[in-house]
Each structure stands twice: as C-alpha cells, then as structure tokens.
C-alpha cells in the first residue's frame, strides 16, 4: 500500500471565490467583529461599574472615621475620632489610589489605552506607598494598644 500524496487527498483548491462568496465572508467577518465589540463594551461597563461600587463602598465605610472630618464644621454631625497624622496620610494615599483605579478603568473602557498605560506607571508609586504606610499604621496602632481589629463577639454578646 502506497501512502497517498497530499495533492491527491485535497480537493481542487485552485477554484477562485466568486464575488458573492467573498461578500458573504465579509458579512460574516463584520458580524463577528460587531459581536466581539458588543461583548467588549459589556465587559468595560461591568468593570467600570465594579470600580465605582468599590469607591462608593470605601467612601461609605470610612465616612464616619475619615471622610466626615472636613464636613464637621459645616454640618451638624457627631464628632469623628481624632486620627494620627500617619493615618490621615495613609487615608489620603488610599483615597487617591481608589480614585486612580476608577479613572484607569474608565480610560480602558473608553478606548484611551495609550493614556491608560502611560498613567499605569503611577502604580509603581502607589503600591509601595500603600504597603509601607499600611505597615506603619498597624505598628503605630499596636504601640497605642489597639491589639485587635475585629470586635470580640463573646464579650459583646
């Protein structure tokens, strides 16, 4: 038995596509591109929505202890706790990072990828700053006697 040569197995490939076949292939390609773009827009909306929700969650969660402080002279609010300067700096850096995260997500979603990538280098500053300031804040809290983060449910119940 002799193996068949590839030329014998393949049908005639020399037949050219007719204009109607070319148009059909172009329509299929356009439909595929449109469906991919729809999925990409949906993804971008999802990620931007999640970034905004993260920012809102951070704002609401830290409002009583951090974000309310500047509003106390203007609104009748109960006084927030006095924070050490280190915690104020840590809060400012974290707030800037969360806003930067929303901005980066929005830029990627609107097709401003070059600016998104250029500004992405700012994370080279944010990540170490957050790590160092967070560690310093924990050490300072431990020195001041704050030994636990979560409430003790057995003694509060």
N, C-alpha and C. Protein backbone atom coordinates (compact mmCIF):
# COMPACT_ATOMS: atom_id res chain seq x y z
N UNK A 1 0.82 -1.16 0.00
CA UNK A 1 0.00 0.00 0.00
C UNK A 1 0.88 1.24 0.00
N UNK A 2 0.62 2.13 -0.88
CA UNK A 2 1.40 3.35 -1.00
C UNK A 2 0.61 4.50 -0.37
N UNK A 3 1.28 5.27 0.48
CA UNK A 3 0.56 6.40 1.05
C UNK A 3 0.17 7.40 -0.03
N UNK A 4 -1.01 7.98 0.15
CA UNK A 4 -1.48 8.97 -0.83
C UNK A 4 -0.74 10.28 -0.61
N UNK A 5 -0.44 10.93 -1.66
CA UNK A 5 0.23 12.22 -1.54
C UNK A 5 -0.78 13.29 -1.13
N UNK A 6 -0.34 14.35 -0.48
CA UNK A 6 -1.27 15.40 -0.05
C UNK A 6 -2.04 15.99 -1.21
N UNK A 7 -1.45 16.05 -2.37
CA UNK A 7 -2.14 16.62 -3.51
C UNK A 7 -3.33 15.77 -3.91
N UNK A 8 -3.26 14.45 -3.69
CA UNK A 8 -4.36 13.57 -4.06
C UNK A 8 -5.50 13.66 -3.04
N UNK A 9 -5.18 13.93 -1.74
CA UNK A 9 -6.22 13.98 -0.71
C UNK A 9 -7.03 15.28 -0.77
N UNK A 10 -6.40 16.37 -1.09
CA UNK A 10 -7.07 17.67 -1.04
C UNK A 10 -7.89 17.88 -2.29
N UNK A 11 -9.08 18.43 -2.12
CA UNK A 11 -9.87 18.77 -3.32
C UNK A 11 -9.21 19.92 -4.06
N UNK A 12 -9.65 20.16 -5.21
CA UNK A 12 -9.09 21.24 -6.02
C UNK A 12 -9.21 22.57 -5.30
N UNK A 13 -8.10 23.16 -4.94
CA UNK A 13 -8.10 24.44 -4.23
C UNK A 13 -7.89 25.59 -5.18
N UNK A 14 -7.78 25.29 -6.44
CA UNK A 14 -7.48 26.35 -7.39
C UNK A 14 -8.73 27.12 -7.79
N UNK A 15 -9.91 26.63 -7.39
CA UNK A 15 -11.13 27.35 -7.76
C UNK A 15 -11.19 28.66 -6.98
N UNK A 16 -11.42 29.75 -7.65
CA UNK A 16 -11.46 31.06 -7.01
C UNK A 16 -12.83 31.30 -6.41
N UNK A 17 -12.83 32.15 -5.36
CA UNK A 17 -14.10 32.53 -4.74
C UNK A 17 -14.85 33.47 -5.68
N UNK A 18 -16.12 33.26 -5.73
CA UNK A 18 -16.94 34.17 -6.55
C UNK A 18 -17.20 35.43 -5.73
N UNK A 19 -17.56 36.50 -6.40
CA UNK A 19 -17.83 37.74 -5.66
C UNK A 19 -18.92 37.57 -4.60
N UNK A 20 -19.92 36.75 -4.85
CA UNK A 20 -20.98 36.57 -3.85
C UNK A 20 -20.43 35.83 -2.62
N UNK A 21 -19.50 34.87 -2.84
CA UNK A 21 -18.88 34.19 -1.70
C UNK A 21 -18.00 35.15 -0.89
N UNK A 22 -17.27 36.02 -1.59
CA UNK A 22 -16.45 37.00 -0.90
C UNK A 22 -17.29 37.94 -0.06
N UNK A 23 -18.42 38.39 -0.63
CA UNK A 23 -19.31 39.29 0.11
C UNK A 23 -19.89 38.58 1.34
N UNK A 24 -20.24 37.30 1.19
CA UNK A 24 -20.78 36.55 2.32
C UNK A 24 -19.73 36.41 3.42
N UNK A 25 -18.49 36.14 3.04
CA UNK A 25 -17.42 36.04 4.03
C UNK A 25 -17.17 37.38 4.72
N UNK A 26 -17.23 38.48 3.95
CA UNK A 26 -17.05 39.80 4.54
C UNK A 26 -18.17 40.12 5.52
N UNK A 27 -19.43 39.75 5.17
CA UNK A 27 -20.56 39.97 6.08
C UNK A 27 -20.38 39.17 7.37
N UNK A 28 -19.94 37.93 7.24
CA UNK A 28 -19.70 37.09 8.43
C UNK A 28 -18.61 37.71 9.31
N UNK A 29 -17.54 38.21 8.67
CA UNK A 29 -16.47 38.85 9.42
C UNK A 29 -16.94 40.10 10.15
N UNK A 30 -17.77 40.90 9.48
CA UNK A 30 -18.33 42.11 10.10
C UNK A 30 -19.23 41.74 11.27
N UNK A 31 -20.06 40.70 11.12
CA UNK A 31 -20.93 40.27 12.20
C UNK A 31 -20.11 39.78 13.39
N UNK A 32 -19.05 39.06 13.13
CA UNK A 32 -18.18 38.58 14.20
C UNK A 32 -17.52 39.75 14.93
N UNK A 33 -17.02 40.71 14.16
CA UNK A 33 -16.39 41.89 14.76
C UNK A 33 -17.39 42.67 15.61
N UNK A 34 -18.61 42.84 15.12
CA UNK A 34 -19.64 43.56 15.88
C UNK A 34 -19.98 42.83 17.17
N UNK A 35 -20.10 41.50 17.12
CA UNK A 35 -20.43 40.77 18.34
C UNK A 35 -19.30 40.83 19.35
N UNK A 36 -18.06 40.82 18.89
CA UNK A 36 -16.92 40.95 19.80
C UNK A 36 -16.92 42.34 20.43
N UNK A 37 -17.21 43.39 19.64
CA UNK A 37 -17.24 44.74 20.18
C UNK A 37 -18.36 44.91 21.21
N UNK A 38 -19.51 44.28 20.98
CA UNK A 38 -20.61 44.34 21.94
C UNK A 38 -20.18 43.68 23.25
N UNK A 39 -19.52 42.54 23.17
CA UNK A 39 -19.05 41.86 24.38
C UNK A 39 -17.99 42.69 25.10
N UNK A 40 -17.11 43.34 24.36
CA UNK A 40 -16.08 44.18 24.98
C UNK A 40 -16.72 45.37 25.69
N UNK A 41 -17.73 46.00 25.06
CA UNK A 41 -18.40 47.13 25.72
C UNK A 41 -19.09 46.67 26.99
N UNK A 42 -19.70 45.49 26.95
CA UNK A 42 -20.36 44.95 28.14
C UNK A 42 -19.34 44.70 29.24
N UNK A 43 -18.19 44.14 28.88
CA UNK A 43 -17.13 43.92 29.87
C UNK A 43 -16.65 45.24 30.47
N UNK A 44 -16.43 46.25 29.61
CA UNK A 44 -15.95 47.54 30.10
C UNK A 44 -16.97 48.16 31.05
N UNK A 45 -18.27 48.07 30.71
CA UNK A 45 -19.30 48.61 31.61
C UNK A 45 -19.29 47.88 32.94
N UNK A 46 -19.14 46.55 32.91
CA UNK A 46 -19.11 45.76 34.13
C UNK A 46 -17.95 46.20 35.03
N UNK A 47 -16.75 46.28 34.47
CA UNK A 47 -15.58 46.63 35.27
C UNK A 47 -15.65 48.07 35.79
N UNK A 48 -16.19 48.99 34.99
CA UNK A 48 -16.34 50.36 35.47
C UNK A 48 -17.38 50.42 36.58
N UNK A 49 -18.47 49.69 36.44
CA UNK A 49 -19.49 49.65 37.49
C UNK A 49 -18.89 49.09 38.79
N UNK A 50 -18.10 48.03 38.69
CA UNK A 50 -17.49 47.44 39.89
C UNK A 50 -16.49 48.42 40.53
N UNK A 51 -15.74 49.16 39.72
CA UNK A 51 -14.79 50.13 40.26
C UNK A 51 -15.53 51.26 40.99
N UNK A 52 -16.63 51.73 40.41
CA UNK A 52 -17.42 52.78 41.05
C UNK A 52 -18.04 52.26 42.34
N UNK A 53 -18.57 51.05 42.31
CA UNK A 53 -19.14 50.47 43.53
C UNK A 53 -18.08 50.28 44.62
N UNK A 54 -16.86 49.91 44.23
CA UNK A 54 -15.77 49.79 45.21
C UNK A 54 -15.48 51.15 45.83
N UNK A 55 -15.44 52.20 45.02
CA UNK A 55 -15.17 53.54 45.53
C UNK A 55 -16.29 53.99 46.48
N UNK A 56 -17.53 53.71 46.13
CA UNK A 56 -18.66 54.07 47.00
C UNK A 56 -18.59 53.30 48.30
N UNK A 57 -18.25 52.02 48.23
CA UNK A 57 -18.13 51.20 49.44
C UNK A 57 -17.04 51.74 50.37
N UNK A 58 -15.91 52.10 49.80
CA UNK A 58 -14.81 52.66 50.60
C UNK A 58 -15.26 53.98 51.24
N UNK A 59 -15.91 54.84 50.46
CA UNK A 59 -16.36 56.13 50.98
C UNK A 59 -17.35 55.94 52.12
N UNK A 60 -18.35 55.09 51.92
CA UNK A 60 -19.35 54.87 52.97
C UNK A 60 -18.74 54.19 54.20
N UNK A 61 -17.86 53.24 53.98
CA UNK A 61 -17.26 52.53 55.09
C UNK A 61 -16.36 53.39 55.95
N UNK A 62 -15.63 54.30 55.33
CA UNK A 62 -14.70 55.15 56.08
C UNK A 62 -15.26 56.54 56.35
N UNK A 63 -16.50 56.80 55.98
CA UNK A 63 -17.07 58.13 56.19
C UNK A 63 -17.05 58.55 57.66
N UNK A 64 -17.53 57.70 58.58
CA UNK A 64 -17.60 58.16 59.98
C UNK A 64 -16.24 58.45 60.60
N UNK A 65 -15.20 57.78 60.15
CA UNK A 65 -13.90 57.96 60.80
C UNK A 65 -12.92 58.79 59.98
N UNK A 66 -13.15 58.97 58.70
CA UNK A 66 -12.16 59.68 57.88
C UNK A 66 -12.78 60.80 57.05
N UNK A 67 -13.76 60.47 56.22
CA UNK A 67 -14.27 61.45 55.26
C UNK A 67 -15.18 62.51 55.89
N UNK A 68 -15.74 62.24 57.05
CA UNK A 68 -16.65 63.20 57.67
C UNK A 68 -15.89 64.35 58.33
N UNK A 69 -14.65 64.15 58.66
CA UNK A 69 -13.87 65.15 59.41
C UNK A 69 -13.94 66.55 58.78
N UNK A 70 -13.73 66.73 57.47
CA UNK A 70 -13.79 68.09 56.91
C UNK A 70 -15.21 68.68 56.91
N UNK A 71 -16.23 67.84 57.01
CA UNK A 71 -17.61 68.33 56.96
C UNK A 71 -18.16 68.73 58.32
N UNK A 72 -17.48 68.38 59.39
CA UNK A 72 -17.99 68.64 60.73
C UNK A 72 -18.25 70.12 61.01
N UNK A 73 -17.40 71.05 60.55
CA UNK A 73 -17.73 72.47 60.79
C UNK A 73 -18.96 72.94 60.01
N UNK A 74 -19.28 72.26 58.91
CA UNK A 74 -20.38 72.71 58.05
C UNK A 74 -21.72 72.06 58.40
N UNK A 75 -21.70 70.82 58.86
CA UNK A 75 -22.93 70.07 59.10
C UNK A 75 -23.01 69.66 60.57
N UNK A 76 -24.24 69.51 61.09
CA UNK A 76 -24.36 69.04 62.47
C UNK A 76 -24.13 67.53 62.57
N UNK A 77 -22.89 67.12 62.59
CA UNK A 77 -22.52 65.71 62.67
C UNK A 77 -21.86 65.44 64.01
N UNK A 78 -22.01 64.22 64.53
CA UNK A 78 -21.26 63.89 65.75
C UNK A 78 -19.78 63.88 65.44
N UNK A 79 -18.95 64.28 66.38
CA UNK A 79 -17.51 64.37 66.07
C UNK A 79 -16.92 62.99 65.77
N UNK A 80 -16.07 62.99 64.77
CA UNK A 80 -15.36 61.76 64.43
C UNK A 80 -14.11 61.66 65.29
N UNK A 81 -13.56 60.46 65.42
CA UNK A 81 -12.37 60.32 66.26
C UNK A 81 -11.18 61.08 65.67
N UNK A 82 -10.35 61.55 66.56
CA UNK A 82 -9.12 62.23 66.11
C UNK A 82 -8.16 61.16 65.61
N UNK A 83 -7.62 61.38 64.42
CA UNK A 83 -6.71 60.41 63.82
C UNK A 83 -5.28 60.95 63.83
N UNK A 84 -4.35 60.05 63.98
CA UNK A 84 -2.94 60.41 63.92
C UNK A 84 -2.61 60.86 62.50
N UNK A 85 -1.60 61.69 62.39
CA UNK A 85 -1.18 62.20 61.09
C UNK A 85 -0.85 61.07 60.12
N UNK A 86 -0.22 60.02 60.62
CA UNK A 86 0.12 58.88 59.77
C UNK A 86 -1.13 58.26 59.16
N UNK A 87 -2.20 58.14 59.94
CA UNK A 87 -3.45 57.58 59.42
C UNK A 87 -4.11 58.52 58.41
N UNK A 88 -3.99 59.82 58.63
CA UNK A 88 -4.53 60.78 57.66
C UNK A 88 -3.78 60.68 56.32
N UNK A 89 -2.47 60.53 56.39
CA UNK A 89 -1.68 60.37 55.16
C UNK A 89 -2.03 59.06 54.47
N UNK A 90 -2.11 57.98 55.25
CA UNK A 90 -2.49 56.68 54.69
C UNK A 90 -3.87 56.76 54.03
N UNK A 91 -4.80 57.42 54.67
CA UNK A 91 -6.14 57.58 54.11
C UNK A 91 -6.14 58.39 52.82
N UNK A 92 -5.33 59.43 52.79
CA UNK A 92 -5.24 60.26 51.58
C UNK A 92 -4.65 59.46 50.41
N UNK A 93 -3.61 58.67 50.68
CA UNK A 93 -2.98 57.86 49.62
C UNK A 93 -3.96 56.79 49.14
N UNK A 94 -4.67 56.16 50.07
CA UNK A 94 -5.64 55.12 49.68
C UNK A 94 -6.80 55.73 48.89
N UNK A 95 -7.25 56.92 49.29
CA UNK A 95 -8.32 57.60 48.54
C UNK A 95 -7.85 57.93 47.13
N UNK A 96 -6.64 58.44 47.01
CA UNK A 96 -6.10 58.75 45.69
C UNK A 96 -5.99 57.48 44.85
N UNK A 97 -5.61 56.37 45.48
CA UNK A 97 -5.48 55.12 44.75
C UNK A 97 -6.85 54.63 44.25
N UNK A 98 -7.87 54.71 45.08
CA UNK A 98 -9.21 54.27 44.67
C UNK A 98 -9.73 55.13 43.51
N UNK A 99 -9.52 56.45 43.61
CA UNK A 99 -9.93 57.33 42.51
C UNK A 99 -9.12 57.04 41.25
N UNK A 100 -7.85 56.74 41.40
CA UNK A 100 -6.98 56.37 40.28
C UNK A 100 -7.48 55.07 39.62
N UNK A 101 -7.91 54.13 40.45
CA UNK A 101 -8.46 52.86 39.95
C UNK A 101 -9.71 53.10 39.10
N UNK A 102 -10.60 53.97 39.56
CA UNK A 102 -11.80 54.29 38.78
C UNK A 102 -11.41 54.98 37.48
N UNK A 103 -10.48 55.92 37.55
CA UNK A 103 -10.02 56.63 36.35
C UNK A 103 -9.39 55.67 35.35
N UNK A 104 -8.53 54.78 35.81
CA UNK A 104 -7.88 53.82 34.93
C UNK A 104 -8.91 52.91 34.26
N UNK A 105 -9.89 52.45 35.03
CA UNK A 105 -10.92 51.57 34.47
C UNK A 105 -11.74 52.32 33.43
N UNK A 106 -12.07 53.58 33.70
CA UNK A 106 -12.83 54.38 32.74
C UNK A 106 -12.04 54.62 31.46
N UNK A 107 -10.75 54.90 31.59
CA UNK A 107 -9.93 55.13 30.39
C UNK A 107 -9.81 53.87 29.55
N UNK A 108 -9.64 52.73 30.18
CA UNK A 108 -9.56 51.49 29.42
C UNK A 108 -10.88 51.21 28.71
N UNK A 109 -11.98 51.55 29.35
CA UNK A 109 -13.30 51.30 28.77
C UNK A 109 -13.66 52.23 27.63
N UNK A 110 -13.06 53.41 27.61
CA UNK A 110 -13.38 54.36 26.55
C UNK A 110 -12.36 54.33 25.41
N UNK A 111 -11.46 53.38 25.46
CA UNK A 111 -10.50 53.23 24.36
C UNK A 111 -9.27 54.11 24.48
N UNK A 112 -9.05 54.74 25.61
CA UNK A 112 -7.87 55.58 25.80
C UNK A 112 -6.73 54.74 26.35
N UNK A 113 -6.42 53.67 25.65
CA UNK A 113 -5.46 52.68 26.16
C UNK A 113 -4.05 53.24 26.28
N UNK A 114 -3.64 54.10 25.38
CA UNK A 114 -2.28 54.66 25.47
C UNK A 114 -2.12 55.49 26.74
N UNK A 115 -3.11 56.36 27.02
CA UNK A 115 -3.05 57.17 28.24
C UNK A 115 -3.20 56.28 29.47
N UNK A 116 -4.06 55.27 29.38
CA UNK A 116 -4.24 54.30 30.46
C UNK A 116 -2.90 53.62 30.81
N UNK A 117 -2.17 53.21 29.79
CA UNK A 117 -0.91 52.52 30.02
C UNK A 117 0.16 53.49 30.53
N UNK A 118 0.16 54.71 30.03
CA UNK A 118 1.14 55.70 30.50
C UNK A 118 0.90 56.03 31.96
N UNK A 119 -0.35 56.30 32.33
CA UNK A 119 -0.66 56.61 33.72
C UNK A 119 -0.52 55.39 34.63
N UNK A 120 -0.57 54.22 34.04
CA UNK A 120 -0.42 53.00 34.83
C UNK A 120 0.89 52.92 35.56
N UNK A 121 1.87 53.66 35.08
CA UNK A 121 3.16 53.67 35.76
C UNK A 121 3.08 54.33 37.14
N UNK A 122 2.01 55.06 37.39
CA UNK A 122 1.83 55.66 38.73
C UNK A 122 1.65 54.58 39.78
N UNK A 123 1.20 53.41 39.37
CA UNK A 123 1.05 52.32 40.34
C UNK A 123 2.40 51.90 40.91
N UNK A 124 3.47 52.22 40.22
CA UNK A 124 4.81 51.94 40.73
C UNK A 124 5.05 52.74 42.01
N UNK A 125 4.37 53.88 42.14
CA UNK A 125 4.48 54.70 43.35
C UNK A 125 3.41 54.28 44.36
N UNK A 126 2.18 54.04 43.89
CA UNK A 126 1.08 53.73 44.79
C UNK A 126 1.30 52.46 45.60
N UNK A 127 1.68 51.38 44.94
CA UNK A 127 1.74 50.08 45.62
C UNK A 127 2.74 50.09 46.77
N UNK A 128 3.99 50.53 46.57
CA UNK A 128 4.90 50.57 47.73
C UNK A 128 4.44 51.55 48.81
N UNK A 129 3.90 52.70 48.40
CA UNK A 129 3.45 53.68 49.38
C UNK A 129 2.34 53.11 50.25
N UNK A 130 1.38 52.42 49.63
CA UNK A 130 0.28 51.81 50.38
C UNK A 130 0.82 50.75 51.33
N UNK A 131 1.72 49.92 50.84
CA UNK A 131 2.28 48.86 51.68
C UNK A 131 3.04 49.42 52.88
N UNK A 132 3.90 50.39 52.63
CA UNK A 132 4.71 50.96 53.70
C UNK A 132 3.84 51.71 54.71
N UNK A 133 2.93 52.56 54.21
CA UNK A 133 2.07 53.32 55.12
C UNK A 133 1.14 52.41 55.91
N UNK A 134 0.62 51.37 55.27
CA UNK A 134 -0.26 50.42 55.98
C UNK A 134 0.48 49.69 57.08
N UNK A 135 1.69 49.26 56.79
CA UNK A 135 2.50 48.58 57.80
C UNK A 135 2.83 49.53 58.95
N UNK A 136 3.19 50.75 58.62
CA UNK A 136 3.49 51.73 59.67
C UNK A 136 2.26 52.01 60.53
N UNK A 137 1.08 52.06 59.90
CA UNK A 137 -0.16 52.32 60.65
C UNK A 137 -0.47 51.17 61.60
N UNK A 138 -0.27 49.95 61.16
CA UNK A 138 -0.52 48.79 62.02
C UNK A 138 0.46 48.80 63.20
N UNK A 139 1.72 49.09 62.95
CA UNK A 139 2.72 49.14 64.02
C UNK A 139 2.37 50.24 65.02
N UNK A 140 1.98 51.41 64.51
CA UNK A 140 1.61 52.50 65.41
C UNK A 140 0.37 52.12 66.23
N UNK A 141 -0.61 51.48 65.60
CA UNK A 141 -1.80 51.05 66.32
C UNK A 141 -1.46 50.06 67.42
N UNK A 142 -0.54 49.14 67.14
CA UNK A 142 -0.13 48.16 68.15
C UNK A 142 0.59 48.86 69.32
N UNK A 143 1.39 49.85 69.00
CA UNK A 143 2.09 50.59 70.07
C UNK A 143 1.10 51.33 70.97
N UNK A 144 -0.01 51.78 70.37
CA UNK A 144 -1.01 52.52 71.14
C UNK A 144 -1.96 51.59 71.89
N UNK A 145 -1.81 50.29 71.71
CA UNK A 145 -2.63 49.35 72.45
C UNK A 145 -3.82 48.79 71.70
N UNK A 146 -3.94 49.08 70.42
CA UNK A 146 -5.03 48.52 69.61
C UNK A 146 -4.61 47.12 69.18
N UNK A 147 -5.00 46.13 69.98
CA UNK A 147 -4.49 44.78 69.75
C UNK A 147 -5.34 43.97 68.78
N UNK A 148 -6.61 44.34 68.60
CA UNK A 148 -7.44 43.56 67.69
C UNK A 148 -8.18 44.50 66.74
N UNK A 149 -8.45 43.98 65.59
CA UNK A 149 -9.15 44.77 64.59
C UNK A 149 -10.66 44.54 64.70
N UNK A 150 -11.06 43.28 64.83
CA UNK A 150 -12.47 42.92 64.86
C UNK A 150 -12.98 42.90 66.30
N UNK A 151 -14.27 43.23 66.50
CA UNK A 151 -14.80 43.17 67.88
C UNK A 151 -14.86 41.73 68.37
N UNK A 152 -14.67 41.56 69.66
CA UNK A 152 -14.75 40.25 70.27
C UNK A 152 -16.21 39.92 70.52
N UNK A 153 -16.77 39.01 69.74
CA UNK A 153 -18.19 38.72 69.80
C UNK A 153 -18.58 38.06 71.12
N UNK A 154 -17.67 37.35 71.76
CA UNK A 154 -18.01 36.65 73.01
C UNK A 154 -18.21 37.64 74.15
N UNK A 155 -17.48 38.73 74.18
CA UNK A 155 -17.62 39.69 75.28
C UNK A 155 -18.69 40.74 74.99
N UNK A 156 -19.03 40.92 73.69
CA UNK A 156 -20.03 41.93 73.34
C UNK A 156 -21.44 41.36 73.29
N UNK A 157 -21.61 40.05 73.40
CA UNK A 157 -22.89 39.43 73.20
C UNK A 157 -23.60 39.33 74.44
